[in-house]
C-alpha cells in the first residue's frame, strides 16, 4: 500500500520553484557548460502527474500486460476498488 502525505500537494509548488531556481543558478554559474536545464523542465511536467496514484495504477496495469509473457518479471496486482488519487493498493510481491 502506498499512501500520500496530506501536505504533499501544498509542498510541490515550492519544490518546483526551488528546482527551477537551482537550475537557473547553475546555468548562471556554469554558463554554456551547464546542460541540465531539461531536468527542472521535466520535473515541472512530471511531478504533478506523480501525485495521482490512479495514474500509477493504470501504468502498473499496462506494465503487467506488456510483460505477461516474461515469467521472470512480476508486476504487482492493483486493487482498483481500494485505489484512490492518494492511496494505491497492490499485492505484496
Foldseek 3Di string as FASTA:
>chain_A
DAFADPCVVVVVVVVLVVLQVVLVVVCVVPPPVDDVNVVSVVCVVCVVVVQFCVVVLVVLVVVCVVCVVPPVDDGWHWDVVPGGGRDTDTDDD
